[in-house]
Amino acid sequence: MDIERALACYEAQQYDRAIAICQTLLAQQPQRLDVLNLLGGIAFKQGEWSEAIAHYQTLLKQYPRFATGYANLGRTWQQIQGLPEAKAAYQQALALDDSGTQWWFSLGHIHWDLGEIEAAIACFEAVLGRDPHWHEARSTLSLLRLLQGDFQRGFADYEARPSRRDLAETFPRGDLIWRGESLRGKTLLLLAEQGFGDAIQFVRYVPELAAEGVRVWVRVRPPLLRLFQGLPGCDRLFSTDDPIPAWDAHALLMSLPYLRQTTAKTIPAKVPYLHLSPHCRPGFPEAPAGSKKVGLVWSGSPTHRKDSDRSCSWAEFQRWLDLPQIQFYSLQKAPRPEDAEAIAAEPRLIDLAPQLRDFWDTAAMIQELDLVISVDTAVAHLAGALGKPAWVLLAQTPDWRWGLQGDRSAWYPTLRLFRQSQRGQWTEAIAAIRERLTPWGSDPLSAAS
């Protein structure tokens, strides 16, 4: 049949041939559901989002009870961040057929991105009600529970994340995975995972483990090696490339809150818990006499799933540069191409990036500053771990560790949080920071109160 040839061309990524066949079929039968749906799918694969939406909308006018058509329309709107439209489409699909587990999963992510946390939780619970073994749904649900402050269920479900679930297969000696039993007098190897900020946040557990008589070894990526040489309680430090002698048990760093049964009241929040080990410090460009020194970071990793939510533009931060008695420094590594030229041409900003070889260098620079202002990046965690004042700009729906409310962090006492009131809009947070910088006295923390 011709539709089978069109599908074969689609599977072979011969999209032009598939389109030609579909157009021939529509000339004969203009209302063919399978052809209209396939044309939408081809446009989606080609990144022709407006065309895909048009095909699905045409299909749904003729077949208003075709649940898959609404789901495909929702998927397309989601791809271009048309979240309200995507939500409406998925809800219509599920009203027609609530068995679509993937649709519940996608709708859950949309609710999450829109800041509709209870609705997102309900969606992921619906997924798990239909498929209890969908680990990604469980680990995503855990992040939402943690965001709400439900540490008991959140950290337990976070053990379903891929790095923990597959640990026995991805790291030697699966029989040595630590379950939380006493390790006094024994060696515990802690494995960093995910982002640099995650490792910086959760090495806070090392000193208390060492105080309980555990010999703690830590394995991290090379950019963190020199920084963690100043970690109290760390007996040995390994790079991900180093061979490791025999150990007694191992665990992922981000499993420690679960293994230690951490609650909101028992977070190890004493800072600083990182200290600079002796190395040759990079030169620090001095500020004019009497000026405060403020470091800036306005964007995170472009590969992060929520980068568009959590990163800001240099143009937003640039609004502060006219403030008197403040010298601004850039701690931004690898600025976006659209920002790099503007930074180079900005005489009111001193760029420290060329001197930042690793996180030790960044920490050394932070120690010279009076204040760090950053979006949600590893630098914010680093400033907090060093016990330095930092102001952190957060998306309307932030990462779980910042919670949903308040201007203080339970994890980092010296951090102050500036939250978006509307998704994608930094204007209020930028203005609030400017207001606090303008009359800035001797204490950055009091300025943020």
Protein backbone atom coordinates (compact mmCIF):
# COMPACT_ATOMS: atom_id res chain seq x y z
CA MET A 1 0.00 0.00 0.00
CA ASP A 2 1.12 3.58 -0.63
CA ILE A 3 0.89 4.54 3.05
CA GLU A 4 3.26 1.69 3.87
CA ARG A 5 5.74 3.06 1.32
CA ALA A 6 5.40 6.49 2.88
CA LEU A 7 6.06 5.01 6.33
CA ALA A 8 9.09 3.13 5.01
CA CYS A 9 10.50 6.36 3.57
CA TYR A 10 9.82 8.10 6.88
CA GLU A 11 11.69 5.39 8.82
CA ALA A 12 14.57 5.67 6.34
CA GLN A 13 14.61 9.48 6.84
CA GLN A 14 13.72 9.97 3.17
CA TYR A 15 11.34 12.72 4.12
CA ASP A 16 10.90 14.35 0.71
CA ARG A 17 9.82 11.04 -0.84
CA ALA A 18 7.48 10.38 2.08
CA ILE A 19 5.91 13.83 1.68
CA ALA A 20 5.41 13.32 -2.04
CA ILE A 21 3.59 10.02 -1.44
CA CYS A 22 1.43 11.61 1.27
CA GLN A 23 0.48 14.50 -1.00
CA THR A 24 -0.58 12.05 -3.70
CA LEU A 25 -2.70 10.16 -1.20
CA LEU A 26 -4.33 13.37 0.09
CA ALA A 27 -5.21 14.42 -3.45
CA GLN A 28 -7.22 11.22 -3.67
CA GLN A 29 -8.55 11.21 -0.07
CA PRO A 30 -8.12 14.66 1.58
CA GLN A 31 -9.27 13.47 5.01
CA ARG A 32 -7.05 10.44 5.53
CA LEU A 33 -6.13 10.40 9.23
CA ASP A 34 -2.99 8.28 8.88
CA VAL A 35 -1.60 10.52 6.13
CA LEU A 36 -2.27 13.78 7.98
CA ASN A 37 -0.69 12.34 11.13
CA LEU A 38 2.36 11.18 9.21
CA LEU A 39 2.82 14.61 7.62
CA GLY A 40 2.82 16.10 11.09
CA GLY A 41 5.41 13.57 12.20
CA ILE A 42 7.64 14.34 9.21
CA ALA A 43 7.47 18.06 9.90
CA PHE A 44 8.33 17.38 13.55
CA LYS A 45 11.38 15.33 12.58
CA GLN A 46 12.52 18.13 10.27
CA GLY A 47 12.11 20.75 12.96
CA GLU A 48 9.38 22.52 11.00
CA TRP A 49 7.35 23.24 14.10
CA SER A 50 4.75 25.59 12.64
CA GLU A 51 4.11 23.17 9.80
CA ALA A 52 3.75 20.25 12.20
CA ILE A 53 1.28 22.19 14.33
CA ALA A 54 -0.74 23.10 11.24
CA HIS A 55 -0.91 19.45 10.13
CA TYR A 56 -2.07 18.28 13.57
CA GLN A 57 -4.63 21.06 13.87
CA THR A 58 -6.03 20.18 10.43
CA LEU A 59 -6.22 16.54 11.46
CA LEU A 60 -8.00 17.35 14.73
CA LYS A 61 -10.63 19.50 13.06
CA GLN A 62 -11.62 16.43 11.10
CA TYR A 63 -11.01 13.86 13.86
CA PRO A 64 -11.68 15.68 17.16
CA ARG A 65 -11.64 12.45 19.18
CA PHE A 66 -8.23 11.27 17.96
CA ALA A 67 -6.28 11.23 21.23
CA THR A 68 -2.89 10.55 19.63
CA GLY A 69 -3.32 13.62 17.46
CA TYR A 70 -3.69 15.83 20.55
CA ALA A 71 -0.64 14.18 22.14
CA ASN A 72 1.41 14.77 19.00
CA LEU A 73 0.25 18.38 18.96
CA GLY A 74 1.22 18.73 22.63
CA ARG A 75 4.65 17.25 21.97
CA THR A 76 5.23 19.80 19.22
CA TRP A 77 4.16 22.78 21.33
CA GLN A 78 6.38 21.49 24.13
CA GLN A 79 9.35 21.40 21.78
CA ILE A 80 9.09 25.15 21.18
CA GLN A 81 8.25 26.04 24.79
CA GLY A 82 4.60 26.70 24.05
CA LEU A 83 3.78 25.23 27.44
CA PRO A 84 0.17 26.43 27.95
CA GLU A 85 -0.76 25.13 24.49
CA ALA A 86 1.11 21.87 25.13
CA LYS A 87 -0.66 21.42 28.46
CA ALA A 88 -4.09 21.91 26.89
CA ALA A 89 -3.31 19.43 24.11
CA TYR A 90 -2.06 16.70 26.46
CA GLN A 91 -5.02 17.21 28.79
CA GLN A 92 -7.38 16.73 25.85
CA ALA A 93 -5.52 13.58 24.80
CA LEU A 94 -5.82 12.14 28.31
CA ALA A 95 -9.49 13.12 28.55
CA LEU A 96 -10.06 10.92 25.51
CA ASP A 97 -7.69 8.12 26.57
CA ASP A 98 -6.13 8.16 30.03
CA SER A 99 -4.05 5.04 29.42
CA GLY A 100 -1.24 6.97 27.69
CA THR A 101 1.53 6.63 30.25
CA GLN A 102 3.99 8.63 28.17
CA TRP A 103 1.39 11.41 27.91
CA TRP A 104 1.07 11.60 31.69
CA PHE A 105 4.86 11.75 31.91
CA SER A 106 5.11 14.58 29.38
CA LEU A 107 2.25 16.50 31.00
CA GLY A 108 4.01 16.15 34.34
CA HIS A 109 7.10 17.84 32.94
CA ILE A 110 4.97 20.66 31.51
CA HIS A 111 3.28 21.26 34.86
CA TRP A 112 6.73 21.25 36.49
CA ASP A 113 8.10 23.81 34.04
CA LEU A 114 5.02 25.99 34.63
CA GLY A 115 5.51 25.82 38.39
CA GLU A 116 2.34 23.77 38.95
CA ILE A 117 3.99 21.41 41.40
CA GLU A 118 0.95 19.60 42.81
CA ALA A 119 -0.37 18.94 39.31
CA ALA A 120 3.05 17.68 38.23
CA ILE A 121 3.20 15.31 41.22
CA ALA A 122 -0.26 13.98 40.35
CA CYS A 123 0.91 13.23 36.80
CA PHE A 124 4.00 11.32 37.87
CA GLU A 125 1.98 9.41 40.44
CA ALA A 126 -0.40 8.49 37.60
CA VAL A 127 2.59 7.21 35.61
CA LEU A 128 3.78 5.06 38.50
CA GLY A 129 0.26 3.80 39.14
CA ARG A 130 0.32 2.38 35.61
CA ASP A 131 3.98 1.39 35.52
CA PRO A 132 5.64 1.12 38.98
CA HIS A 133 8.98 0.29 37.35
CA TRP A 134 9.30 3.50 35.35
CA HIS A 135 12.41 4.67 37.21
CA GLU A 136 12.70 8.01 35.44
CA ALA A 137 9.21 8.92 36.58
CA ARG A 138 10.07 7.96 40.15
CA SER A 139 13.33 9.93 40.21
CA THR A 140 11.58 12.94 38.65
CA LEU A 141 8.83 12.70 41.25
CA SER A 142 11.54 12.68 43.91
CA LEU A 143 12.83 16.07 42.74
CA LEU A 144 9.36 17.55 43.08
CA ARG A 145 8.96 16.15 46.58
CA LEU A 146 12.37 17.53 47.54
CA LEU A 147 11.39 20.89 46.10
CA GLN A 148 8.41 20.86 48.48
CA GLY A 149 10.71 19.99 51.39
CA ASP A 150 9.55 16.36 51.69
CA PHE A 151 13.04 14.98 52.31
CA GLN A 152 11.96 11.57 53.62
CA ARG A 153 10.08 10.48 50.50
CA GLY A 154 12.14 12.63 48.16
CA PHE A 155 15.58 11.26 49.01
CA ALA A 156 14.22 7.70 49.13
CA ASP A 157 12.75 7.97 45.63
CA TYR A 158 15.87 9.76 44.37
CA GLU A 159 17.66 6.43 44.68
CA ALA A 160 15.79 5.50 41.48
CA ARG A 161 17.95 7.90 39.44
CA PRO A 162 19.98 6.18 36.70
CA SER A 163 23.41 6.77 38.26
CA ARG A 164 22.33 5.01 41.47
CA ARG A 165 20.12 2.37 39.88
CA ASP A 166 22.89 1.25 37.54
CA LEU A 167 25.78 1.64 40.00
CA ALA A 168 26.32 -2.10 40.38
CA GLU A 169 26.89 -2.33 36.62
CA THR A 170 28.83 0.90 36.06
CA PHE A 171 31.33 0.69 38.95
CA PRO A 172 33.36 -2.31 40.19
CA ARG A 173 32.31 -4.39 43.18
CA GLY A 174 28.57 -3.91 43.23
CA ASP A 175 28.57 -6.02 46.39
CA LEU A 176 30.28 -3.14 48.24
CA ILE A 177 27.53 -0.52 47.73
CA TRP A 178 26.98 1.10 51.11
CA ARG A 179 23.52 0.68 52.66
CA GLY A 180 24.06 2.96 55.65
CA GLU A 181 25.50 0.46 58.15
CA SER A 182 28.29 1.46 60.55
CA LEU A 183 31.69 1.75 58.88
CA ARG A 184 33.80 2.70 61.88
CA GLY A 185 37.41 1.76 61.18
CA LYS A 186 36.63 1.00 57.54
CA THR A 187 37.18 2.77 54.22
CA LEU A 188 34.26 4.43 52.43
CA LEU A 189 34.83 5.55 48.85
CA LEU A 190 32.52 8.39 47.82
CA LEU A 191 31.88 8.88 44.10
CA ALA A 192 31.02 12.29 42.71
CA GLU A 193 28.23 12.34 40.14
CA GLN A 194 26.31 14.74 37.93
CA GLY A 195 27.39 18.40 38.05
CA PHE A 196 30.28 20.10 39.81
CA GLY A 197 27.84 21.98 42.03
CA ASP A 198 26.33 18.69 43.20
CA ALA A 199 29.75 17.43 44.30
CA ILE A 200 30.52 20.70 46.08
CA GLN A 201 27.18 20.61 47.90
CA PHE A 202 27.36 17.03 49.16
CA VAL A 203 30.99 16.71 50.23
CA ARG A 204 29.69 18.53 53.33
CA TYR A 205 29.02 15.05 54.75
CA VAL A 206 32.69 14.04 54.69
CA PRO A 207 33.74 15.72 57.97
CA GLU A 208 30.93 14.16 59.99
CA LEU A 209 31.61 10.71 58.53
CA ALA A 210 35.29 11.06 59.41
CA ALA A 211 34.32 12.14 62.93
CA GLU A 212 32.49 8.82 63.29
CA GLY A 213 35.68 6.90 62.63
CA VAL A 214 35.17 6.27 58.91
CA ARG A 215 38.19 6.52 56.62
CA VAL A 216 36.74 8.60 53.78
CA TRP A 217 38.09 8.57 50.25
CA VAL A 218 36.61 10.79 47.54
CA ARG A 219 36.72 10.32 43.77
CA VAL A 220 35.99 13.39 41.61
CA ARG A 221 36.59 14.83 38.18
CA PRO A 222 39.94 16.64 37.72
CA PRO A 223 38.62 20.25 37.95
CA LEU A 224 37.66 19.58 41.59
CA LEU A 225 40.86 17.85 42.72
CA ARG A 226 42.82 20.82 44.03
CA LEU A 227 39.74 22.33 45.64
CA PHE A 228 38.92 19.18 47.60
CA GLN A 229 42.46 18.89 48.90
CA GLY A 230 41.25 21.35 51.51
CA LEU A 231 38.30 19.19 52.57
CA PRO A 232 38.47 18.29 56.27
CA GLY A 233 38.08 14.58 56.95
CA CYS A 234 39.05 13.44 53.45
CA ASP A 235 41.74 10.81 53.90
CA ARG A 236 42.52 10.33 50.21
CA LEU A 237 41.42 12.01 47.01
CA PHE A 238 41.27 10.38 43.59
CA SER A 239 40.66 11.58 40.07
CA THR A 240 38.24 9.65 37.89
CA ASP A 241 41.34 8.49 35.97
CA ASP A 242 43.23 7.16 39.00
CA PRO A 243 43.49 3.50 40.03
CA ILE A 244 41.97 2.97 43.48
CA PRO A 245 43.30 0.55 46.13
CA ALA A 246 40.95 -1.84 47.91
CA TRP A 247 38.12 -0.24 49.87
CA ASP A 248 35.35 -1.57 52.12
CA ALA A 249 32.23 0.21 50.79
CA HIS A 250 31.29 2.87 48.28
CA ALA A 251 28.43 5.26 47.69
CA LEU A 252 27.43 8.10 45.42
CA LEU A 253 27.80 11.53 46.99
CA MET A 254 24.18 12.38 46.22
CA SER A 255 22.97 9.29 48.08
CA LEU A 256 24.40 10.59 51.36
CA PRO A 257 21.30 12.59 52.41
CA TYR A 258 19.25 9.38 52.07
CA LEU A 259 21.83 7.18 53.76
CA ARG A 260 22.25 9.71 56.57
CA GLN A 261 18.45 10.14 56.87
CA THR A 262 18.77 13.90 56.47
CA THR A 263 15.80 16.07 57.36
CA ALA A 264 15.35 19.81 56.99
CA LYS A 265 16.47 20.14 60.62
CA THR A 266 19.56 17.94 60.35
CA ILE A 267 21.19 19.37 57.20
CA PRO A 268 24.94 19.72 57.90
CA ALA A 269 24.93 23.48 57.31
CA LYS A 270 28.07 24.60 59.12
CA VAL A 271 30.23 26.69 56.81
CA PRO A 272 32.87 26.95 55.64
CA TYR A 273 33.42 23.26 55.02
CA LEU A 274 35.85 23.86 52.17
CA HIS A 275 39.21 25.50 52.83
CA LEU A 276 41.88 26.45 50.32
CA SER A 277 44.86 24.14 50.33
CA PRO A 278 48.22 25.87 49.79
CA HIS A 279 48.86 26.49 46.11
CA CYS A 280 50.29 29.41 44.21
CA ARG A 281 47.43 31.89 44.00
CA PRO A 282 46.65 33.56 40.69
CA GLY A 283 47.09 37.32 40.67
CA PHE A 284 44.02 39.30 41.61
CA PRO A 285 43.42 42.67 39.89
CA GLU A 286 42.84 45.16 42.66
CA ALA A 287 39.83 47.44 42.78
CA PRO A 288 40.04 51.24 43.15
CA ALA A 289 40.53 52.33 46.76
CA GLY A 290 37.34 52.17 48.77
CA SER A 291 35.44 50.08 46.23
CA LYS A 292 33.59 46.87 47.04
CA LYS A 293 34.54 43.85 44.94
CA VAL A 294 31.66 41.88 43.42
CA GLY A 295 31.99 38.75 41.26
CA LEU A 296 29.37 37.92 38.65
CA VAL A 297 28.13 34.70 37.00
CA TRP A 298 25.07 35.01 34.78
CA SER A 299 24.77 31.70 32.95
CA GLY A 300 25.25 28.01 33.61
CA SER A 301 25.89 24.99 31.43
CA PRO A 302 24.06 25.26 28.10
CA THR A 303 23.53 21.48 28.12
CA HIS A 304 21.46 21.56 31.33
CA ARG A 305 17.81 20.63 30.68
CA LYS A 306 16.58 23.77 32.39
CA ASP A 307 19.33 26.12 31.23
CA SER A 308 16.86 28.45 29.52
CA ASP A 309 15.07 28.83 32.86
CA ARG A 310 18.04 29.29 35.17
CA SER A 311 20.50 31.28 33.04
CA CYS A 312 20.36 35.02 32.56
CA SER A 313 21.84 37.27 29.88
CA TRP A 314 24.86 39.51 30.31
CA ALA A 315 22.66 42.45 29.30
CA GLU A 316 20.60 41.94 32.47
CA PHE A 317 23.63 41.98 34.76
CA GLN A 318 25.11 44.93 32.89
CA ARG A 319 22.43 47.16 34.43
CA TRP A 320 24.41 47.29 37.68
CA LEU A 321 27.72 48.48 36.25
CA ASP A 322 26.99 52.18 36.69
CA LEU A 323 26.74 51.84 40.48
CA PRO A 324 29.47 53.83 42.24
CA GLN A 325 32.08 52.41 44.61
CA ILE A 326 31.69 48.88 43.26
CA GLN A 327 34.22 47.08 41.08
CA PHE A 328 32.65 44.17 39.22
CA TYR A 329 34.57 41.05 38.21
CA SER A 330 33.48 38.29 35.84
CA LEU A 331 33.78 34.73 37.14
CA GLN A 332 31.93 33.50 34.04
CA LYS A 333 33.68 30.63 32.32
CA ALA A 334 33.09 30.19 28.59
CA PRO A 335 30.54 32.98 28.09
CA ARG A 336 27.97 32.54 25.35
CA PRO A 337 29.11 33.87 21.97
CA GLU A 338 26.54 36.65 22.13
CA ASP A 339 28.03 37.80 25.46
CA ALA A 340 31.76 37.41 24.83
CA GLU A 341 32.18 40.43 22.56
CA ALA A 342 30.19 42.69 24.88
CA ILE A 343 32.27 41.60 27.88
CA ALA A 344 35.53 42.28 26.07
CA ALA A 345 34.35 45.81 25.24
CA GLU A 346 33.14 46.60 28.77
CA PRO A 347 35.69 48.74 30.66
CA ARG A 348 33.73 48.60 33.92
CA LEU A 349 34.18 44.81 34.23
CA ILE A 350 37.38 42.93 35.02
CA ASP A 351 37.33 39.47 33.42
CA LEU A 352 38.89 36.83 35.67
CA ALA A 353 38.07 33.87 33.41
CA PRO A 354 41.55 33.61 31.82
CA GLN A 355 42.98 32.89 35.28
CA LEU A 356 40.45 30.21 36.23
CA ARG A 357 42.02 26.85 35.43
CA ASP A 358 39.94 24.86 37.90
CA PHE A 359 37.68 25.33 40.92
CA TRP A 360 40.63 25.99 43.26
CA ASP A 361 41.45 29.07 41.20
CA THR A 362 37.81 30.14 41.27
CA ALA A 363 37.72 29.67 45.05
CA ALA A 364 40.89 31.74 45.44
CA MET A 365 39.28 34.57 43.49
CA ILE A 366 36.05 34.32 45.50
CA GLN A 367 38.09 34.68 48.70
CA GLU A 368 39.27 38.08 47.44
CA LEU A 369 35.73 39.30 46.78
CA ASP A 370 33.24 40.94 49.09
CA LEU A 371 30.25 39.39 47.35
CA VAL A 372 29.33 36.96 44.57
CA ILE A 373 26.16 37.41 42.52
CA SER A 374 25.29 34.33 40.49
CA VAL A 375 22.51 32.39 38.89
CA ASP A 376 22.13 28.75 39.96
CA THR A 377 25.57 27.43 39.07
CA ALA A 378 28.49 25.61 40.68
CA VAL A 379 29.95 29.01 41.61
CA ALA A 380 26.97 29.70 43.87
CA HIS A 381 27.59 26.38 45.64
CA LEU A 382 31.30 27.14 45.88
CA ALA A 383 30.72 30.53 47.49
CA GLY A 384 28.32 28.94 49.97
CA ALA A 385 30.74 26.11 50.82
CA LEU A 386 33.47 28.69 51.44
CA GLY A 387 31.15 30.65 53.73
CA LYS A 388 31.33 33.73 51.50
CA PRO A 389 28.36 36.05 50.96
CA ALA A 390 26.55 35.34 47.70
CA TRP A 391 23.27 36.42 46.16
CA VAL A 392 21.67 33.81 43.93
CA LEU A 393 19.09 34.54 41.24
CA LEU A 394 16.58 31.71 40.92
CA ALA A 395 14.02 30.73 38.31
CA GLN A 396 10.36 30.80 39.32
CA THR A 397 10.54 27.01 39.65
CA PRO A 398 14.10 26.44 40.85
CA ASP A 399 16.15 23.35 41.38
CA TRP A 400 14.92 21.32 44.37
CA ARG A 401 17.67 22.37 46.77
CA TRP A 402 16.48 26.00 46.87
CA GLY A 403 12.90 25.21 47.84
CA LEU A 404 9.86 27.17 46.72
CA GLN A 405 9.88 30.08 49.12
CA GLY A 406 12.09 32.35 51.18
CA ASP A 407 15.29 34.30 50.65
CA ARG A 408 17.52 32.01 52.72
CA SER A 409 19.09 28.64 51.99
CA ALA A 410 18.92 25.79 54.49
CA TRP A 411 22.11 24.40 52.93
CA TYR A 412 24.19 27.59 52.80
CA PRO A 413 23.70 30.20 55.56
CA THR A 414 25.67 32.93 53.75
CA LEU A 415 23.55 32.80 50.59
CA ARG A 416 20.59 35.08 49.85
CA LEU A 417 18.03 34.10 47.25
CA PHE A 418 16.34 36.37 44.71
CA ARG A 419 13.43 34.61 43.03
CA GLN A 420 11.59 35.23 39.79
CA SER A 421 7.91 35.98 40.28
CA GLN A 422 7.15 35.09 36.67
CA ARG A 423 8.75 32.41 34.52
CA GLY A 424 11.46 33.78 32.25
CA GLN A 425 11.32 37.30 33.70
CA TRP A 426 14.39 38.51 35.56
CA THR A 427 13.42 42.19 35.75
CA GLU A 428 12.19 42.16 39.35
CA ALA A 429 15.15 40.17 40.68
CA ILE A 430 17.63 42.38 38.83
CA ALA A 431 15.92 45.50 40.19
CA ALA A 432 15.85 44.08 43.73
CA ILE A 433 19.58 43.42 43.63
CA ARG A 434 20.27 46.90 42.28
CA GLU A 435 18.22 48.37 45.10
CA ARG A 436 20.29 46.49 47.67
CA LEU A 437 23.61 47.28 46.02
CA THR A 438 22.96 51.01 45.81
CA PRO A 439 23.12 51.82 49.56
CA TRP A 440 25.54 49.00 50.26
CA GLY A 441 27.36 49.41 53.56
CA SER A 442 30.11 47.24 54.95
CA ASP A 443 28.08 44.03 55.22
CA PRO A 444 26.77 42.31 52.05
CA LEU A 445 24.50 40.12 54.16
CA SER A 446 22.76 43.05 55.83
CA ALA A 447 22.33 44.66 52.42
CA ALA A 448 20.20 41.68 51.36
CA SER A 449 18.04 41.61 54.48
